[in-house]
Amino acid sequence: MLHESCRNREHPTLRGGIEVQLTYEVLGGHSNVYLAPIENPLFREILTHEAVHFVVELSRAYDARRQHLLWARERRQDDLDKGAMLDFLQETESIRGAEWSVPEAPMDLRDRRVEITGPAGDRKMVINALNSGAKVFMADFEDANSPTFANSLMGQLNLRDAIRGDITYVSPEGKHYELANDRATLIVRPRGWHMVEKHLLVDGEPVPASLFDFGLYFFHNAKELLERGSGPYFYLPKLEGHREARLWNDVFTFAEHYMSLPVGTVRATVLIETIPAAFEMDEILYELGTHATGLNCGRWDYIFSYIKKHRTRPDAVLPDRSLVTMTTDMMRNYSKLAIKTCHRRGAHAIGGMAAQIPIKNDSVANQSALNKVQLDKEREATDGHDGTWVAHPGLVPVAMDVFNRLMPRPNQLDKQLHDFEVTNLDLLTPPQGPITETGIRTNVRVGLEYIEAWLRGFGAVPINNLMEDAATAEISRAQLWQWIRHQCKVADSDRHITESYVRGLLDAELLQLREEFGTDEQGRRFEAAATLLWDLVTADTFEDFLTTQGYSLLG
């Protein structure tokens, strides 16, 4: 439990652009550490004195390096804005040229043919995902989880209980949920290096959200997982290079020593979901060393990153999002490079997310969605991926059937792509196609609907029969910003994409949403969502993440 001798400190000054009006408690036994009030007494089972102390130790040891790496991102962006081109690094050529490999995966991570994802903070979803028949469940504290304090701490409670087989849920309708005997292996995705947790301050700074999520999960569960024949496994999001992977490796080693566990107990899979990271796949695995297990093609954020990093270049403008598929040269090259890199190093190459969800009461549309998933998974399995992602339990059988048929063994590590070579232009040349009014409207609508739900605490949101998370909302607002900035032309018309044109579409979509929800609109946050979206797409400078911009609006 937290020390009882707490006193209040109101509205401390925060840096990092976080504007909050919170009252913090000074934690007894901790020097210069402040915690926001805990409204749910169950959360004190997570925020124990010892667990908070561990997070504080992590923050004091590594936050300065994290901030320096974020500053390095800005410097590289300055160079890109001035016309520099991404390329493979000369200074790490020896790492790419040498022969080395990562350790063999733990027993329960050797067959990852289907992985399901979902927010850690939703208890019912956690139970359903673990029971889904997938080999792995990635419990998400990041893009599929709106990072309210309650969601973050409920996620920790849910996973603690799930690991111990002691999680149940009763719906408002009285339906009972509990764990089955055959469960998916658990992997946790903490938030990225760019985010902070404003409810815990150390030395006047909000702690890094990544260390908050990782630290609490590791502290409470690492030994329990090992006793149960598994281990503390993680997905690492939004890395932009090998130095950021080195920081994670040092965090893991620190944590293992702290808990008297062997180095290499932690195993991590890195999402290659930024365009700079695509040029450092070997280096990222190398830096993680004994902690490395694989790479994943985070395709949606990868598209967002491509737009973001090339924000000033008119020759890098992408067409409608629906045309930027995994069969385009740019995306296929990235996917195959991940496979080649992983298999050369003995690591797993996991494919991307199928965002489709089952469509009720429309068998034709439902079958069409299933067919799309099947084709996508067949491409991945044939190319050499060792597994793939789905966002809904109803899609697990489809993906599982494909990988069972095309990948009869637990993985395809022996499938080497020796003859596949790529240059930087193979990864950077964008697909061509039109920008249509339908595509613009879709971005406006998805951006509005997702942000509105995110502001109410929902991070995984079904929109137009797709399970959307923050990544697709980021693509939506990034494309709108880029199209306005470059005054792109609407296909088959004389119109150019201007602020006033987008404003008209935004107002129309906002009106339509209100009409659709009718009296159910009460309690929704459409106005706040529209304001945030409008500020993002019309800003003079490109905001790196909508989640950091919107975080000040979350509780």
Protein backbone atom coordinates (compact mmCIF):
# COMPACT_ATOMS: atom_id res chain seq x y z
CA MET A 1 0.00 0.00 0.00
CA LEU A 2 1.02 3.60 -0.46
CA HIS A 3 2.44 5.41 2.51
CA GLU A 4 -0.34 6.86 4.59
CA SER A 5 1.31 10.18 5.41
CA CYS A 6 0.41 11.93 2.18
CA ARG A 7 -0.25 15.60 1.75
CA ASN A 8 -1.60 17.42 -1.25
CA ARG A 9 0.26 19.43 -3.80
CA GLU A 10 -1.90 21.22 -6.32
CA HIS A 11 -1.13 21.84 -9.96
CA PRO A 12 2.59 21.23 -10.21
CA THR A 13 4.24 22.69 -13.26
CA LEU A 14 4.78 20.07 -15.93
CA ARG A 15 7.05 20.20 -18.91
CA GLY A 16 6.60 18.33 -22.15
CA GLY A 17 3.50 20.18 -23.29
CA ILE A 18 1.17 18.45 -20.83
CA GLU A 19 -1.38 20.86 -19.44
CA VAL A 20 -3.36 19.33 -16.61
CA GLN A 21 -5.28 20.50 -13.60
CA LEU A 22 -4.73 17.73 -11.11
CA THR A 23 -4.12 17.54 -7.42
CA TYR A 24 -1.31 15.20 -6.52
CA GLU A 25 -0.45 13.39 -3.32
CA VAL A 26 3.09 13.54 -2.04
CA LEU A 27 4.11 9.94 -1.50
CA GLY A 28 5.61 9.20 1.85
CA GLY A 29 8.90 7.36 1.59
CA HIS A 30 9.58 8.81 -1.86
CA SER A 31 11.48 12.04 -2.33
CA ASN A 32 9.87 14.41 -4.84
CA VAL A 33 7.36 11.86 -6.15
CA TYR A 34 3.70 12.79 -6.63
CA LEU A 35 0.71 10.65 -7.54
CA ALA A 36 -2.77 11.67 -8.65
CA PRO A 37 -5.60 10.56 -6.36
CA ILE A 38 -6.66 6.93 -6.73
CA GLU A 39 -10.44 6.76 -6.97
CA ASN A 40 -10.79 2.98 -7.34
CA PRO A 41 -9.41 1.23 -4.23
CA LEU A 42 -8.56 -1.83 -6.34
CA PHE A 43 -5.89 0.23 -8.11
CA ARG A 44 -3.92 0.37 -4.86
CA GLU A 45 -3.25 -3.34 -5.40
CA ILE A 46 -1.25 -2.28 -8.45
CA LEU A 47 0.21 1.00 -7.18
CA THR A 48 1.87 -0.53 -4.15
CA HIS A 49 4.78 1.26 -2.51
CA GLU A 50 7.23 -1.30 -3.90
CA ALA A 51 5.85 -1.23 -7.45
CA VAL A 52 5.81 2.57 -7.60
CA HIS A 53 9.37 2.61 -6.26
CA PHE A 54 10.42 0.34 -9.14
CA VAL A 55 8.83 2.66 -11.71
CA VAL A 56 10.50 5.65 -10.05
CA GLU A 57 13.87 3.90 -10.24
CA LEU A 58 13.32 3.17 -13.93
CA SER A 59 12.32 6.75 -14.63
CA ARG A 60 15.31 8.26 -12.83
CA ALA A 61 17.67 5.89 -14.58
CA TYR A 62 16.40 6.25 -18.16
CA ASP A 63 14.18 9.29 -18.72
CA ALA A 64 17.07 11.60 -19.63
CA ARG A 65 18.14 9.19 -22.38
CA ARG A 66 14.55 8.90 -23.58
CA GLN A 67 14.26 12.65 -23.89
CA HIS A 68 17.55 12.85 -25.74
CA LEU A 69 16.33 10.23 -28.23
CA LEU A 70 13.13 12.20 -28.78
CA TRP A 71 15.27 15.28 -29.43
CA ALA A 72 17.26 13.19 -31.96
CA ARG A 73 14.00 12.35 -33.75
CA GLU A 74 13.34 16.07 -34.13
CA ARG A 75 16.82 16.69 -35.55
CA ARG A 76 16.36 13.93 -38.12
CA GLN A 77 12.97 15.39 -39.03
CA ASP A 78 14.63 18.76 -39.60
CA ASP A 79 17.00 17.09 -42.06
CA LEU A 80 14.15 15.32 -43.86
CA ASP A 81 12.21 18.57 -44.10
CA LYS A 82 15.24 20.07 -45.83
CA GLY A 83 15.33 17.30 -48.42
CA ALA A 84 17.47 14.54 -46.89
CA MET A 85 16.58 10.96 -47.90
CA LEU A 86 16.32 8.00 -45.54
CA ASP A 87 18.81 5.25 -46.29
CA PHE A 88 20.60 2.32 -44.68
CA LEU A 89 23.20 3.56 -42.19
CA GLN A 90 26.85 3.51 -43.15
CA GLU A 91 28.03 3.39 -39.54
CA THR A 92 26.21 0.11 -38.87
CA GLU A 93 27.10 -1.65 -42.10
CA SER A 94 29.27 -4.13 -40.18
CA ILE A 95 26.26 -5.25 -38.13
CA ARG A 96 24.22 -5.88 -41.27
CA GLY A 97 27.11 -7.73 -42.92
CA ALA A 98 28.07 -9.97 -40.00
CA GLU A 99 26.58 -13.36 -39.22
CA TRP A 100 24.84 -13.50 -35.85
CA SER A 101 21.47 -14.61 -34.55
CA VAL A 102 19.03 -14.05 -31.71
CA PRO A 103 18.40 -16.76 -29.10
CA GLU A 104 15.77 -19.38 -29.79
CA ALA A 105 12.30 -18.32 -28.72
CA PRO A 106 10.84 -19.67 -25.46
CA MET A 107 8.70 -22.77 -25.90
CA ASP A 108 5.37 -20.92 -25.74
CA LEU A 109 6.50 -18.40 -28.37
CA ARG A 110 7.70 -20.82 -31.03
CA ASP A 111 4.34 -21.13 -32.75
CA ARG A 112 2.77 -17.71 -33.27
CA ARG A 113 0.74 -18.40 -36.40
CA VAL A 114 -2.24 -16.29 -35.30
CA GLU A 115 -2.09 -13.47 -32.79
CA ILE A 116 -5.09 -11.47 -31.61
CA THR A 117 -4.88 -7.93 -30.27
CA GLY A 118 -7.09 -5.89 -27.99
CA PRO A 119 -7.08 -3.27 -25.24
CA ALA A 120 -5.73 -4.43 -21.89
CA GLY A 121 -8.22 -2.25 -20.03
CA ASP A 122 -11.34 -4.08 -21.24
CA ARG A 123 -11.88 -7.11 -18.98
CA LYS A 124 -14.34 -8.89 -21.27
CA MET A 125 -12.10 -8.42 -24.30
CA VAL A 126 -9.11 -9.78 -22.36
CA ILE A 127 -11.03 -12.97 -21.50
CA ASN A 128 -12.38 -13.36 -25.04
CA ALA A 129 -8.96 -12.82 -26.60
CA LEU A 130 -7.27 -15.36 -24.34
CA ASN A 131 -10.04 -17.87 -25.16
CA SER A 132 -10.15 -17.04 -28.88
CA GLY A 133 -8.08 -19.96 -30.16
CA ALA A 134 -5.24 -17.66 -31.22
CA LYS A 135 -1.73 -18.72 -30.25
CA VAL A 136 -0.90 -15.29 -28.79
CA PHE A 137 -2.86 -12.41 -27.31
CA MET A 138 -1.22 -9.00 -27.45
CA ALA A 139 -2.73 -6.99 -24.61
CA ASP A 140 -2.46 -3.38 -25.62
CA PHE A 141 -1.74 -0.34 -23.48
CA GLU A 142 -1.07 1.70 -26.60
CA ASP A 143 -3.02 2.33 -29.83
CA ALA A 144 -6.05 0.17 -28.98
CA ASN A 145 -6.28 1.54 -25.45
CA SER A 146 -7.36 5.10 -24.70
CA PRO A 147 -4.77 5.97 -22.01
CA THR A 148 -7.00 7.25 -19.24
CA PHE A 149 -5.57 6.59 -15.79
CA ALA A 150 -8.44 4.20 -15.10
CA ASN A 151 -7.89 2.25 -18.34
CA SER A 152 -4.17 1.92 -17.71
CA LEU A 153 -4.60 0.66 -14.18
CA MET A 154 -7.56 -1.57 -15.02
CA GLY A 155 -5.39 -3.13 -17.71
CA GLN A 156 -2.77 -3.97 -15.10
CA LEU A 157 -5.42 -5.51 -12.85
CA ASN A 158 -6.89 -7.51 -15.72
CA LEU A 159 -3.54 -8.97 -16.73
CA ARG A 160 -2.51 -9.73 -13.17
CA ASP A 161 -5.73 -11.68 -12.67
CA ALA A 162 -5.57 -13.37 -16.07
CA ILE A 163 -2.02 -14.62 -15.49
CA ARG A 164 -3.16 -16.22 -12.25
CA GLY A 165 -6.23 -17.72 -13.87
CA ASP A 166 -8.42 -15.64 -11.64
CA ILE A 167 -10.32 -13.38 -14.01
CA THR A 168 -14.09 -13.36 -14.58
CA TYR A 169 -16.58 -10.84 -15.90
CA VAL A 170 -20.35 -10.51 -15.75
CA SER A 171 -21.95 -8.28 -18.38
CA PRO A 172 -24.80 -5.87 -17.58
CA GLU A 173 -27.09 -8.47 -19.22
CA GLY A 174 -25.85 -11.09 -16.78
CA LYS A 175 -23.63 -13.09 -19.15
CA HIS A 176 -20.71 -14.74 -17.40
CA TYR A 177 -17.19 -14.81 -18.85
CA GLU A 178 -14.29 -16.91 -17.56
CA LEU A 179 -11.04 -18.37 -18.85
CA ALA A 180 -10.92 -21.60 -20.80
CA ASN A 181 -8.21 -24.19 -20.16
CA ASP A 182 -6.50 -23.62 -23.51
CA ARG A 183 -5.34 -20.00 -23.53
CA ALA A 184 -3.24 -17.82 -25.76
CA THR A 185 0.27 -16.83 -24.70
CA LEU A 186 0.28 -13.30 -23.35
CA ILE A 187 2.38 -10.47 -24.80
CA VAL A 188 2.04 -6.90 -23.56
CA ARG A 189 2.48 -3.71 -25.56
CA PRO A 190 3.38 -0.71 -23.39
CA ARG A 191 2.98 2.80 -24.72
CA GLY A 192 5.69 4.27 -26.94
CA TRP A 193 8.66 6.41 -25.92
CA HIS A 194 6.84 9.58 -27.00
CA MET A 195 4.11 9.37 -24.35
CA VAL A 196 4.11 10.26 -20.66
CA GLU A 197 1.94 9.22 -17.72
CA LYS A 198 0.81 12.51 -16.21
CA HIS A 199 -0.62 10.94 -13.07
CA LEU A 200 2.79 10.06 -11.64
CA LEU A 201 5.42 12.80 -11.32
CA VAL A 202 9.06 12.20 -10.52
CA ASP A 203 11.27 15.22 -9.85
CA GLY A 204 8.70 17.49 -11.48
CA GLU A 205 8.31 15.44 -14.65
CA PRO A 206 5.57 13.02 -15.69
CA VAL A 207 7.10 9.54 -15.89
CA PRO A 208 7.57 7.94 -19.31
CA ALA A 209 4.37 6.03 -20.08
CA SER A 210 6.38 3.16 -21.53
CA LEU A 211 8.22 2.67 -18.24
CA PHE A 212 5.01 3.05 -16.24
CA ASP A 213 3.26 0.30 -18.25
CA PHE A 214 6.29 -1.96 -18.48
CA GLY A 215 7.39 -1.44 -14.89
CA LEU A 216 4.08 -2.21 -13.22
CA TYR A 217 3.46 -5.27 -15.40
CA PHE A 218 6.96 -6.63 -14.96
CA PHE A 219 7.07 -6.00 -11.22
CA HIS A 220 3.81 -7.78 -10.47
CA ASN A 221 3.99 -10.63 -12.97
CA ALA A 222 7.49 -11.58 -14.16
CA LYS A 223 8.17 -14.21 -11.51
CA GLU A 224 4.59 -15.50 -11.59
CA LEU A 225 4.81 -15.99 -15.35
CA LEU A 226 8.07 -17.90 -15.04
CA GLU A 227 6.61 -20.17 -12.37
CA ARG A 228 3.76 -20.93 -14.76
CA GLY A 229 6.09 -21.87 -17.62
CA SER A 230 5.85 -18.64 -19.56
CA GLY A 231 7.67 -15.33 -19.23
CA PRO A 232 7.46 -11.55 -19.46
CA TYR A 233 7.00 -10.95 -23.19
CA PHE A 234 6.57 -7.56 -24.84
CA TYR A 235 5.76 -5.84 -28.11
CA LEU A 236 7.71 -2.60 -28.50
CA PRO A 237 5.88 0.11 -30.50
CA LYS A 238 6.95 3.02 -32.68
CA LEU A 239 10.71 2.67 -32.42
CA GLU A 240 12.50 4.85 -34.94
CA GLY A 241 15.93 3.27 -34.74
CA HIS A 242 18.43 0.99 -33.06
CA ARG A 243 19.43 3.49 -30.36
CA GLU A 244 15.86 3.39 -29.09
CA ALA A 245 16.06 -0.41 -29.06
CA ARG A 246 19.31 -0.15 -27.08
CA LEU A 247 17.48 1.89 -24.46
CA TRP A 248 14.82 -0.81 -24.14
CA ASN A 249 17.55 -3.45 -23.85
CA ASP A 250 19.13 -1.53 -20.98
CA VAL A 251 15.74 -1.16 -19.30
CA PHE A 252 15.17 -4.91 -19.55
CA THR A 253 18.59 -5.72 -18.14
CA PHE A 254 18.07 -3.28 -15.25
CA ALA A 255 14.68 -4.84 -14.51
CA GLU A 256 16.05 -8.38 -14.58
CA HIS A 257 18.84 -7.50 -12.16
CA TYR A 258 16.38 -5.64 -9.93
CA MET A 259 14.18 -8.73 -9.67
CA SER A 260 17.13 -11.18 -9.53
CA LEU A 261 16.15 -12.83 -12.81
CA PRO A 262 18.54 -14.08 -15.49
CA VAL A 263 19.38 -11.66 -18.29
CA GLY A 264 17.33 -12.74 -21.29
CA THR A 265 14.21 -13.56 -19.26
CA VAL A 266 12.40 -10.72 -21.04
CA ARG A 267 11.68 -11.37 -24.71
CA ALA A 268 10.60 -8.62 -27.07
CA THR A 269 9.11 -8.35 -30.53
CA VAL A 270 9.54 -4.98 -32.20
CA LEU A 271 6.88 -3.41 -34.36
CA ILE A 272 8.46 -2.07 -37.51
CA GLU A 273 5.87 0.65 -37.88
CA THR A 274 7.96 3.69 -38.65
CA ILE A 275 9.68 4.31 -41.94
CA PRO A 276 13.09 5.09 -40.30
CA ALA A 277 13.01 1.74 -38.47
CA ALA A 278 12.61 -0.10 -41.78
CA PHE A 279 16.21 0.88 -42.53
CA GLU A 280 17.49 -0.47 -39.19
CA MET A 281 15.84 -3.87 -38.79
CA ASP A 282 19.12 -5.76 -38.35
CA GLU A 283 20.42 -3.15 -35.95
CA ILE A 284 17.27 -3.23 -33.82
CA LEU A 285 17.47 -7.00 -33.36
CA TYR A 286 21.20 -6.70 -32.67
CA GLU A 287 20.74 -4.08 -29.97
CA LEU A 288 18.07 -6.12 -28.19
CA GLY A 289 20.47 -9.05 -28.13
CA THR A 290 19.34 -11.83 -25.81
CA HIS A 291 15.97 -10.10 -25.42
CA ALA A 292 15.07 -10.17 -29.14
CA THR A 293 12.42 -12.53 -30.48
CA GLY A 294 11.08 -11.03 -33.69
CA LEU A 295 9.72 -8.19 -35.76
CA ASN A 296 6.16 -7.34 -36.74
CA CYS A 297 4.87 -5.38 -39.72
CA GLY A 298 2.78 -2.66 -38.08
CA ARG A 299 1.40 -1.67 -41.44
CA TRP A 300 -1.05 1.08 -40.43
CA ASP A 301 1.36 3.13 -38.37
CA TYR A 302 3.99 2.51 -41.05
CA ILE A 303 1.82 4.33 -43.58
CA PHE A 304 1.24 7.12 -41.07
CA SER A 305 4.99 7.36 -40.44
CA TYR A 306 5.69 7.56 -44.18
CA ILE A 307 3.37 10.54 -44.48
CA LYS A 308 4.71 12.18 -41.34
CA LYS A 309 8.37 11.85 -42.23
CA HIS A 310 7.80 13.17 -45.77
CA ARG A 311 5.35 15.88 -44.80
CA THR A 312 7.02 18.58 -46.86
CA ARG A 313 7.55 16.58 -50.07
CA PRO A 314 4.90 16.89 -52.78
CA ASP A 315 6.32 13.79 -54.51
CA ALA A 316 5.58 11.73 -51.38
CA VAL A 317 1.85 12.47 -51.22
CA LEU A 318 -0.15 9.24 -50.98
CA PRO A 319 -3.45 8.57 -52.76
CA ASP A 320 -6.62 7.42 -51.00
CA ARG A 321 -5.80 5.17 -48.07
CA SER A 322 -7.74 2.31 -49.66
CA LEU A 323 -5.10 2.21 -52.42
CA VAL A 324 -2.11 1.90 -50.12
CA THR A 325 -2.37 -1.85 -49.73
CA MET A 326 0.19 -4.51 -48.89
CA THR A 327 0.31 -5.50 -52.55
CA THR A 328 1.80 -2.17 -53.63
CA ASP A 329 5.55 -2.28 -54.26
CA MET A 330 6.42 0.02 -51.36
CA MET A 331 4.52 -2.01 -48.78
CA ARG A 332 5.41 -5.43 -50.18
CA ASN A 333 9.12 -4.56 -50.17
CA TYR A 334 8.92 -3.52 -46.53
CA SER A 335 7.12 -6.72 -45.60
CA LYS A 336 9.58 -8.99 -47.41
CA LEU A 337 12.56 -7.13 -45.98
CA ALA A 338 11.20 -7.86 -42.50
CA ILE A 339 10.95 -11.56 -43.36
CA LYS A 340 14.43 -11.70 -44.86
CA THR A 341 15.97 -9.88 -41.89
CA CYS A 342 14.22 -11.97 -39.28
CA HIS A 343 14.90 -15.36 -40.79
CA ARG A 344 18.56 -14.61 -41.34
CA ARG A 345 18.77 -13.87 -37.60
CA GLY A 346 16.55 -16.70 -36.36
CA ALA A 347 13.76 -14.32 -35.37
CA HIS A 348 10.04 -14.49 -36.10
CA ALA A 349 8.52 -12.25 -38.76
CA ILE A 350 4.91 -11.55 -37.84
CA GLY A 351 2.54 -10.12 -40.42
CA GLY A 352 0.16 -7.22 -40.14
CA MET A 353 -3.28 -6.57 -38.78
CA ALA A 354 -6.48 -7.68 -40.45
CA ALA A 355 -8.81 -4.94 -39.26
CA GLN A 356 -11.98 -6.57 -40.61
CA ILE A 357 -14.66 -7.71 -38.17
CA PRO A 358 -17.60 -10.06 -38.81
CA ILE A 359 -20.59 -8.29 -40.36
CA LYS A 360 -23.90 -9.37 -38.84
CA ASN A 361 -27.13 -9.60 -40.85
CA ASP A 362 -25.37 -9.29 -44.22
CA SER A 363 -23.97 -12.62 -45.36
CA VAL A 364 -22.70 -11.25 -48.68
CA ALA A 365 -20.76 -8.41 -47.07
CA ASN A 366 -19.54 -10.75 -44.36
CA GLN A 367 -18.22 -13.27 -46.89
CA SER A 368 -16.52 -10.47 -48.80
CA ALA A 369 -14.74 -9.36 -45.63
CA LEU A 370 -13.65 -12.92 -44.86
CA ASN A 371 -12.34 -13.32 -48.41
CA LYS A 372 -10.21 -10.19 -48.02
CA VAL A 373 -8.72 -11.52 -44.81
CA GLN A 374 -8.03 -14.90 -46.40
CA LEU A 375 -6.23 -13.36 -49.39
CA ASP A 376 -4.17 -11.12 -47.15
CA LYS A 377 -3.12 -14.02 -44.92
CA GLU A 378 -2.32 -16.23 -47.90
CA ARG A 379 0.06 -13.56 -49.18
CA GLU A 380 1.74 -13.32 -45.80
CA ALA A 381 2.11 -17.07 -45.31
CA THR A 382 3.35 -17.59 -48.87
CA ASP A 383 5.91 -14.79 -48.59
CA GLY A 384 7.31 -16.37 -45.42
CA HIS A 385 5.72 -14.73 -42.40
CA ASP A 386 5.63 -16.87 -39.26
CA GLY A 387 2.30 -15.57 -38.06
CA THR A 388 -0.18 -12.77 -38.38
CA TRP A 389 -2.55 -10.46 -36.52
CA VAL A 390 -6.32 -10.25 -36.30
CA ALA A 391 -8.44 -7.77 -34.35
CA HIS A 392 -11.52 -9.92 -33.65
CA PRO A 393 -12.03 -13.48 -32.36
CA GLY A 394 -14.29 -14.14 -35.35
CA LEU A 395 -11.31 -13.81 -37.68
CA VAL A 396 -9.07 -16.28 -35.82
CA PRO A 397 -10.43 -19.37 -37.67
CA VAL A 398 -9.89 -17.77 -41.08
CA ALA A 399 -6.30 -16.82 -40.38
CA MET A 400 -5.61 -20.10 -38.60
CA ASP A 401 -6.89 -22.15 -41.54
CA VAL A 402 -4.60 -20.28 -43.93
CA PHE A 403 -1.47 -20.70 -41.82
CA ASN A 404 -2.27 -24.33 -40.98
CA ARG A 405 -2.56 -25.03 -44.69
CA LEU A 406 0.44 -23.05 -45.91
CA MET A 407 2.65 -23.32 -42.82
CA PRO A 408 2.30 -26.84 -41.38
CA ARG A 409 5.32 -26.36 -39.10
CA PRO A 410 5.39 -23.96 -36.10
CA ASN A 411 7.23 -21.33 -38.14
CA GLN A 412 9.13 -20.74 -41.38
CA LEU A 413 12.51 -19.71 -40.01
CA ASP A 414 14.20 -21.94 -42.57
CA LYS A 415 12.69 -19.90 -45.42
CA GLN A 416 15.49 -17.56 -46.44
CA LEU A 417 14.99 -14.79 -48.99
CA HIS A 418 18.60 -14.74 -50.21
CA ASP A 419 17.72 -13.32 -53.62
CA PHE A 420 15.56 -10.49 -52.34
CA GLU A 421 17.38 -7.14 -52.34
CA VAL A 422 16.03 -3.65 -51.77
CA THR A 423 17.36 -0.13 -52.11
CA ASN A 424 16.11 2.90 -50.25
CA LEU A 425 14.01 3.88 -53.28
CA ASP A 426 12.28 0.49 -53.15
CA LEU A 427 11.07 1.44 -49.67
CA LEU A 428 10.37 5.10 -50.36
CA THR A 429 8.69 5.27 -53.77
CA PRO A 430 5.00 5.81 -53.05
CA PRO A 431 2.13 4.05 -54.83
CA GLN A 432 0.29 6.18 -57.36
CA GLY A 433 -3.44 6.79 -57.55
CA PRO A 434 -6.18 9.36 -57.21
CA ILE A 435 -7.38 11.34 -54.24
CA THR A 436 -11.14 11.15 -54.37
CA GLU A 437 -13.86 12.96 -52.45
CA THR A 438 -14.86 9.57 -51.07
CA GLY A 439 -11.33 9.12 -49.74
CA ILE A 440 -11.33 12.57 -48.17
CA ARG A 441 -14.75 12.01 -46.58
CA THR A 442 -13.58 8.66 -45.22
CA ASN A 443 -10.61 10.30 -43.53
CA VAL A 444 -12.81 13.00 -42.03
CA ARG A 445 -15.39 10.47 -40.83
CA VAL A 446 -12.88 7.98 -39.39
CA GLY A 447 -10.95 10.78 -37.73
CA LEU A 448 -14.08 12.23 -36.14
CA GLU A 449 -15.60 8.96 -34.97
CA TYR A 450 -12.39 7.54 -33.62
CA ILE A 451 -11.25 10.65 -31.74
CA GLU A 452 -14.72 11.07 -30.23
CA ALA A 453 -14.66 7.52 -28.88
CA TRP A 454 -11.03 7.83 -27.76
CA LEU A 455 -11.91 10.94 -25.74
CA ARG A 456 -14.59 8.88 -23.96
CA GLY A 457 -12.04 6.21 -23.09
CA PHE A 458 -12.47 3.72 -25.95
CA GLY A 459 -9.37 2.88 -27.96
CA ALA A 460 -10.61 0.00 -30.15
CA VAL A 461 -13.61 1.20 -32.13
CA PRO A 462 -15.63 -0.55 -34.88
CA ILE A 463 -16.15 1.90 -37.77
CA ASN A 464 -17.48 0.84 -41.17
CA ASN A 465 -16.95 -2.85 -40.32
CA LEU A 466 -13.29 -2.32 -39.43
CA MET A 467 -11.79 -2.37 -35.96
CA GLU A 468 -10.01 0.96 -35.85
CA ASP A 469 -7.36 2.08 -33.40
CA ALA A 470 -5.23 5.19 -33.12
CA ALA A 471 -3.10 4.22 -36.13
CA THR A 472 -5.82 4.63 -38.73
CA ALA A 473 -6.99 7.86 -37.14
CA GLU A 474 -3.39 9.08 -37.45
CA ILE A 475 -3.36 8.20 -41.15
CA SER A 476 -6.64 10.02 -41.63
CA ARG A 477 -5.61 13.30 -40.07
CA ALA A 478 -2.08 13.12 -41.55
CA GLN A 479 -3.41 12.71 -45.07
CA LEU A 480 -5.82 15.61 -44.59
CA TRP A 481 -2.97 17.81 -43.34
CA GLN A 482 -0.70 16.82 -46.23
CA TRP A 483 -3.38 17.18 -48.90
CA ILE A 484 -4.30 20.67 -47.64
CA ARG A 485 -0.69 21.74 -47.37
CA HIS A 486 0.09 20.68 -50.94
CA GLN A 487 -3.25 21.89 -52.31
CA CYS A 488 -3.79 18.49 -53.94
CA LYS A 489 -6.48 18.13 -56.56
CA VAL A 490 -9.63 16.09 -56.11
CA ALA A 491 -9.81 13.43 -58.82
CA ASP A 492 -12.21 14.01 -61.71
CA SER A 493 -12.87 17.62 -60.72
CA ASP A 494 -11.32 21.06 -60.85
CA ARG A 495 -11.35 21.37 -57.08
CA HIS A 496 -8.29 21.61 -54.89
CA ILE A 497 -8.17 20.42 -51.30
CA THR A 498 -8.22 23.60 -49.22
CA GLU A 499 -9.07 24.34 -45.61
CA SER A 500 -12.49 25.65 -46.57
CA TYR A 501 -13.22 22.54 -48.63
CA VAL A 502 -12.29 20.21 -45.77
CA ARG A 503 -14.20 22.40 -43.31
CA GLY A 504 -17.32 21.90 -45.37
CA LEU A 505 -16.92 18.13 -45.33
CA LEU A 506 -16.16 18.16 -41.61
CA ASP A 507 -19.30 20.13 -40.80
CA ALA A 508 -21.40 17.84 -43.00
CA GLU A 509 -20.03 14.67 -41.39
CA LEU A 510 -20.49 16.16 -37.93
CA LEU A 511 -24.12 16.95 -38.68
CA GLN A 512 -24.71 13.47 -40.06
CA LEU A 513 -23.19 11.82 -36.99
CA ARG A 514 -25.47 13.82 -34.72
CA GLU A 515 -28.51 12.82 -36.74
CA GLU A 516 -27.48 9.16 -36.69
CA PHE A 517 -26.97 9.09 -32.94
CA GLY A 518 -30.04 11.23 -32.17
CA THR A 519 -30.82 11.25 -28.47
CA ASP A 520 -27.88 8.93 -27.93
CA GLU A 521 -25.66 11.91 -28.68
CA GLN A 522 -25.89 12.98 -25.03
CA GLY A 523 -22.62 12.32 -23.30
CA ARG A 524 -20.65 12.07 -26.52
CA ARG A 525 -17.81 14.43 -27.34
CA PHE A 526 -18.32 15.28 -31.00
CA GLU A 527 -17.50 18.99 -30.53
CA ALA A 528 -14.23 18.27 -28.76
CA ALA A 529 -13.34 15.66 -31.39
CA ALA A 530 -14.09 18.06 -34.26
CA THR A 531 -12.03 20.80 -32.63
CA LEU A 532 -9.06 18.51 -32.08
CA LEU A 533 -9.24 17.10 -35.60
CA TRP A 534 -9.55 20.57 -37.12
CA ASP A 535 -6.61 21.90 -35.10
CA LEU A 536 -4.48 18.95 -36.24
CA VAL A 537 -5.23 19.19 -39.96
CA THR A 538 -4.87 22.97 -40.19
CA ALA A 539 -1.83 23.48 -37.93
CA ASP A 540 1.15 25.27 -39.46
CA THR A 541 3.44 22.53 -38.18
CA PHE A 542 2.66 18.83 -38.20
CA GLU A 543 1.81 17.44 -34.76
CA ASP A 544 3.75 14.20 -34.29
CA PHE A 545 0.96 12.27 -32.53
CA LEU A 546 -2.72 13.02 -32.02
CA THR A 547 -2.54 10.96 -28.83
CA THR A 548 -0.08 13.36 -27.23
CA GLN A 549 -2.14 16.35 -28.40
CA GLY A 550 -5.33 14.81 -27.06
CA TYR A 551 -3.88 13.44 -23.82
CA SER A 552 -4.56 16.67 -21.93
CA LEU A 553 -8.30 16.09 -22.61
CA LEU A 554 -8.28 12.64 -20.96
CA GLY A 555 -8.84 11.91 -17.29
